[in-house]
Amino acid sequence: MAKTKEKKPYLTVNLPREWGPYLEEALLNPEIRKKLEIGEFTMTSSGLGNWVIREFLIHNTSFHYQHFNTYDDHATIIDNKIRRMIDIYPKEEIKELWCEYCDSTNCEHVKFARTVPKIMEPLEKKGWRTSKNLIE
């Protein structure tokens, strides 16, 4: 019987060993240490690497916001920058999405939610005018 390889929960990233002293130097920087501590990263080269890559992904990819789920009365997205789940509610009376976290209908969370088909399609079926069905 052939063994199936189980996927590891982590990817491996290898860095040149000669970068070691620079990583150690960075770990001595009080500002970097504070950011690692706030983000609950270890004060190791591995923790530093995880933090650096996470910051890069947040600022340069779609990793910043992620759709988590759509429910009957609201949708939940994840804001990876602030490490929070954010609830977005449709406000029927004004036909707008409202962010509970920001108490706003025009924040970055709402702007992201408007791009998620699983959030917007049920509203379109209820007759909401969305950017997809607006007459320009």
C-alpha atoms as a PDB file:
ATOM      1  CA  MET A   1       0.000   0.000   0.000  1.00  0.00           C
ATOM      2  CA  ALA A   2       1.414   3.369  -1.021  1.00  0.00           C
ATOM      3  CA  LYS A   3       1.764   5.989   1.674  1.00  0.00           C
ATOM      4  CA  THR A   4       0.148   9.330   0.955  1.00  0.00           C
ATOM      5  CA  LYS A   5       2.156  12.353   1.900  1.00  0.00           C
ATOM      6  CA  GLU A   6       0.430  14.550   4.439  1.00  0.00           C
ATOM      7  CA  LYS A   7       0.684  18.252   3.681  1.00  0.00           C
ATOM      8  CA  LYS A   8       2.653  20.143   6.283  1.00  0.00           C
ATOM      9  CA  PRO A   9       0.835  23.137   7.742  1.00  0.00           C
ATOM     10  CA  TYR A  10       3.818  25.410   7.058  1.00  0.00           C
ATOM     11  CA  LEU A  11       5.961  26.298   4.072  1.00  0.00           C
ATOM     12  CA  THR A  12       9.707  26.227   4.450  1.00  0.00           C
ATOM     13  CA  VAL A  13      11.699  29.328   3.556  1.00  0.00           C
ATOM     14  CA  ASN A  14      15.481  29.120   3.468  1.00  0.00           C
ATOM     15  CA  LEU A  15      17.733  32.137   3.798  1.00  0.00           C
ATOM     16  CA  PRO A  16      21.447  32.383   3.142  1.00  0.00           C
ATOM     17  CA  ARG A  17      23.380  31.701   6.335  1.00  0.00           C
ATOM     18  CA  GLU A  18      25.436  34.864   5.812  1.00  0.00           C
ATOM     19  CA  TRP A  19      22.257  36.868   6.530  1.00  0.00           C
ATOM     20  CA  GLY A  20      22.290  35.561  10.109  1.00  0.00           C
ATOM     21  CA  PRO A  21      24.199  38.490  11.635  1.00  0.00           C
ATOM     22  CA  TYR A  22      21.798  40.984  10.007  1.00  0.00           C
ATOM     23  CA  LEU A  23      18.794  39.130  11.352  1.00  0.00           C
ATOM     24  CA  GLU A  24      20.345  39.156  14.823  1.00  0.00           C
ATOM     25  CA  GLU A  25      21.040  42.881  14.444  1.00  0.00           C
ATOM     26  CA  ALA A  26      17.395  43.486  13.465  1.00  0.00           C
ATOM     27  CA  LEU A  27      16.249  41.519  16.522  1.00  0.00           C
ATOM     28  CA  LEU A  28      18.174  43.960  18.741  1.00  0.00           C
ATOM     29  CA  ASN A  29      16.257  46.941  17.328  1.00  0.00           C
ATOM     30  CA  PRO A  30      13.685  48.066  19.970  1.00  0.00           C
ATOM     31  CA  GLU A  31      11.104  49.141  17.369  1.00  0.00           C
ATOM     32  CA  ILE A  32      11.260  45.785  15.599  1.00  0.00           C
ATOM     33  CA  ARG A  33      11.108  43.921  18.925  1.00  0.00           C
ATOM     34  CA  LYS A  34       7.979  45.884  19.864  1.00  0.00           C
ATOM     35  CA  LYS A  35       6.294  45.033  16.551  1.00  0.00           C
ATOM     36  CA  LEU A  36       7.169  41.358  16.965  1.00  0.00           C
ATOM     37  CA  GLU A  37       5.811  41.380  20.498  1.00  0.00           C
ATOM     38  CA  ILE A  38       2.566  43.112  19.496  1.00  0.00           C
ATOM     39  CA  GLY A  39       2.125  40.630  16.644  1.00  0.00           C
ATOM     40  CA  GLU A  40       2.872  37.707  18.980  1.00  0.00           C
ATOM     41  CA  PHE A  41       5.880  36.609  16.931  1.00  0.00           C
ATOM     42  CA  THR A  42       8.868  34.956  18.581  1.00  0.00           C
ATOM     43  CA  MET A  43      12.063  36.950  19.075  1.00  0.00           C
ATOM     44  CA  THR A  44      13.945  34.618  16.735  1.00  0.00           C
ATOM     45  CA  SER A  45      15.077  34.724  13.126  1.00  0.00           C
ATOM     46  CA  SER A  46      12.058  32.578  12.271  1.00  0.00           C
ATOM     47  CA  GLY A  47       9.665  34.955  14.058  1.00  0.00           C
ATOM     48  CA  LEU A  48      11.271  37.931  12.341  1.00  0.00           C
ATOM     49  CA  GLY A  49      10.985  36.195   8.959  1.00  0.00           C
ATOM     50  CA  ASN A  50       7.310  35.409   9.546  1.00  0.00           C
ATOM     51  CA  TRP A  51       6.601  39.022  10.509  1.00  0.00           C
ATOM     52  CA  VAL A  52       8.475  40.453   7.490  1.00  0.00           C
ATOM     53  CA  ILE A  53       6.708  38.137   5.038  1.00  0.00           C
ATOM     54  CA  ARG A  54       3.305  38.791   6.632  1.00  0.00           C
ATOM     55  CA  GLU A  55       3.828  42.562   6.343  1.00  0.00           C
ATOM     56  CA  PHE A  56       4.894  42.163   2.718  1.00  0.00           C
ATOM     57  CA  LEU A  57       1.791  40.095   1.918  1.00  0.00           C
ATOM     58  CA  ILE A  58      -0.536  42.585   3.622  1.00  0.00           C
ATOM     59  CA  HIS A  59       0.860  45.521   1.646  1.00  0.00           C
ATOM     60  CA  ASN A  60       1.467  43.828  -1.711  1.00  0.00           C
ATOM     61  CA  THR A  61      -1.158  41.121  -2.204  1.00  0.00           C
ATOM     62  CA  SER A  62      -4.835  40.430  -1.584  1.00  0.00           C
ATOM     63  CA  PHE A  63      -3.920  38.912   1.812  1.00  0.00           C
ATOM     64  CA  HIS A  64      -4.957  42.111   3.654  1.00  0.00           C
ATOM     65  CA  TYR A  65      -8.701  41.341   3.449  1.00  0.00           C
ATOM     66  CA  GLN A  66     -10.353  37.949   3.089  1.00  0.00           C
ATOM     67  CA  HIS A  67     -13.996  36.920   2.879  1.00  0.00           C
ATOM     68  CA  PHE A  68     -14.800  34.554   5.748  1.00  0.00           C
ATOM     69  CA  ASN A  69     -18.513  33.819   5.426  1.00  0.00           C
ATOM     70  CA  THR A  70     -21.858  35.228   4.337  1.00  0.00           C
ATOM     71  CA  TYR A  71     -24.841  34.726   6.632  1.00  0.00           C
ATOM     72  CA  ASP A  72     -28.527  35.602   6.251  1.00  0.00           C
ATOM     73  CA  ASP A  73     -28.147  38.927   8.071  1.00  0.00           C
ATOM     74  CA  HIS A  74     -24.472  39.872   7.593  1.00  0.00           C
ATOM     75  CA  ALA A  75     -21.104  38.904   6.161  1.00  0.00           C
ATOM     76  CA  THR A  76     -17.819  38.458   7.966  1.00  0.00           C
ATOM     77  CA  ILE A  77     -14.461  39.396   6.497  1.00  0.00           C
ATOM     78  CA  ILE A  78     -10.995  39.089   7.967  1.00  0.00           C
ATOM     79  CA  ASP A  79      -8.702  42.088   8.212  1.00  0.00           C
ATOM     80  CA  ASN A  80      -5.274  40.484   8.504  1.00  0.00           C
ATOM     81  CA  LYS A  81      -3.538  43.790   9.164  1.00  0.00           C
ATOM     82  CA  ILE A  82      -5.374  44.342  12.447  1.00  0.00           C
ATOM     83  CA  ARG A  83      -5.991  40.612  12.993  1.00  0.00           C
ATOM     84  CA  ARG A  84      -9.743  40.942  13.431  1.00  0.00           C
ATOM     85  CA  MET A  85     -12.917  39.497  12.044  1.00  0.00           C
ATOM     86  CA  ILE A  86     -15.134  42.320  10.805  1.00  0.00           C
ATOM     87  CA  ASP A  87     -18.899  42.094  10.431  1.00  0.00           C
ATOM     88  CA  ILE A  88     -20.550  43.891   7.533  1.00  0.00           C
ATOM     89  CA  TYR A  89     -24.320  44.387   7.604  1.00  0.00           C
ATOM     90  CA  PRO A  90     -26.687  45.352   4.780  1.00  0.00           C
ATOM     91  CA  LYS A  91     -28.736  48.362   5.862  1.00  0.00           C
ATOM     92  CA  GLU A  92     -32.015  47.880   3.996  1.00  0.00           C
ATOM     93  CA  GLU A  93     -33.364  51.360   4.762  1.00  0.00           C
ATOM     94  CA  ILE A  94     -30.456  53.079   2.991  1.00  0.00           C
ATOM     95  CA  LYS A  95     -29.414  50.205   0.686  1.00  0.00           C
ATOM     96  CA  GLU A  96     -25.806  50.442   1.875  1.00  0.00           C
ATOM     97  CA  LEU A  97     -23.349  48.109   3.517  1.00  0.00           C
ATOM     98  CA  TRP A  98     -22.351  49.121   7.041  1.00  0.00           C
ATOM     99  CA  CYS A  99     -19.187  48.131   8.896  1.00  0.00           C
ATOM    100  CA  GLU A 100     -19.799  47.463  12.569  1.00  0.00           C
ATOM    101  CA  TYR A 101     -16.101  47.898  13.455  1.00  0.00           C
ATOM    102  CA  CYS A 102     -15.718  51.326  11.825  1.00  0.00           C
ATOM    103  CA  ASP A 103     -19.368  52.371  12.191  1.00  0.00           C
ATOM    104  CA  SER A 104     -19.188  53.438   8.565  1.00  0.00           C
ATOM    105  CA  THR A 105     -20.708  52.802   5.156  1.00  0.00           C
ATOM    106  CA  ASN A 106     -17.581  53.949   3.325  1.00  0.00           C
ATOM    107  CA  CYS A 107     -14.554  52.414   5.077  1.00  0.00           C
ATOM    108  CA  GLU A 108     -11.980  50.071   3.536  1.00  0.00           C
ATOM    109  CA  HIS A 109     -13.859  47.034   4.903  1.00  0.00           C
ATOM    110  CA  VAL A 110     -17.060  48.039   3.099  1.00  0.00           C
ATOM    111  CA  LYS A 111     -15.116  48.831  -0.076  1.00  0.00           C
ATOM    112  CA  PHE A 112     -13.611  45.326   0.045  1.00  0.00           C
ATOM    113  CA  ALA A 113     -16.989  43.705   0.810  1.00  0.00           C
ATOM    114  CA  ARG A 114     -18.446  45.347  -2.320  1.00  0.00           C
ATOM    115  CA  THR A 115     -15.924  43.366  -4.410  1.00  0.00           C
ATOM    116  CA  VAL A 116     -16.938  39.971  -3.011  1.00  0.00           C
ATOM    117  CA  PRO A 117     -19.537  38.213  -5.196  1.00  0.00           C
ATOM    118  CA  LYS A 118     -20.710  35.998  -2.316  1.00  0.00           C
ATOM    119  CA  ILE A 119     -21.644  39.155  -0.419  1.00  0.00           C
ATOM    120  CA  MET A 120     -23.074  41.217  -3.279  1.00  0.00           C
ATOM    121  CA  GLU A 121     -24.993  38.626  -5.327  1.00  0.00           C
ATOM    122  CA  PRO A 122     -27.640  37.946  -2.636  1.00  0.00           C
ATOM    123  CA  LEU A 123     -28.185  41.711  -2.352  1.00  0.00           C
ATOM    124  CA  GLU A 124     -28.560  42.054  -6.128  1.00  0.00           C
ATOM    125  CA  LYS A 125     -31.223  39.329  -5.994  1.00  0.00           C
ATOM    126  CA  LYS A 126     -33.077  41.484  -3.435  1.00  0.00           C
ATOM    127  CA  GLY A 127     -33.038  44.375  -5.910  1.00  0.00           C
ATOM    128  CA  TRP A 128     -30.073  46.328  -4.577  1.00  0.00           C
ATOM    129  CA  ARG A 129     -28.284  48.450  -7.145  1.00  0.00           C
ATOM    130  CA  THR A 130     -24.632  47.495  -7.040  1.00  0.00           C
ATOM    131  CA  SER A 131     -21.654  48.594  -9.104  1.00  0.00           C
ATOM    132  CA  LYS A 132     -22.233  45.500 -11.254  1.00  0.00           C
ATOM    133  CA  ASN A 133     -25.786  46.463 -12.207  1.00  0.00           C
ATOM    134  CA  LEU A 134     -25.635  50.285 -12.089  1.00  0.00           C
ATOM    135  CA  ILE A 135     -26.437  52.079 -15.326  1.00  0.00           C
ATOM    136  CA  GLU A 136     -23.473  54.315 -16.120  1.00  0.00           C
END
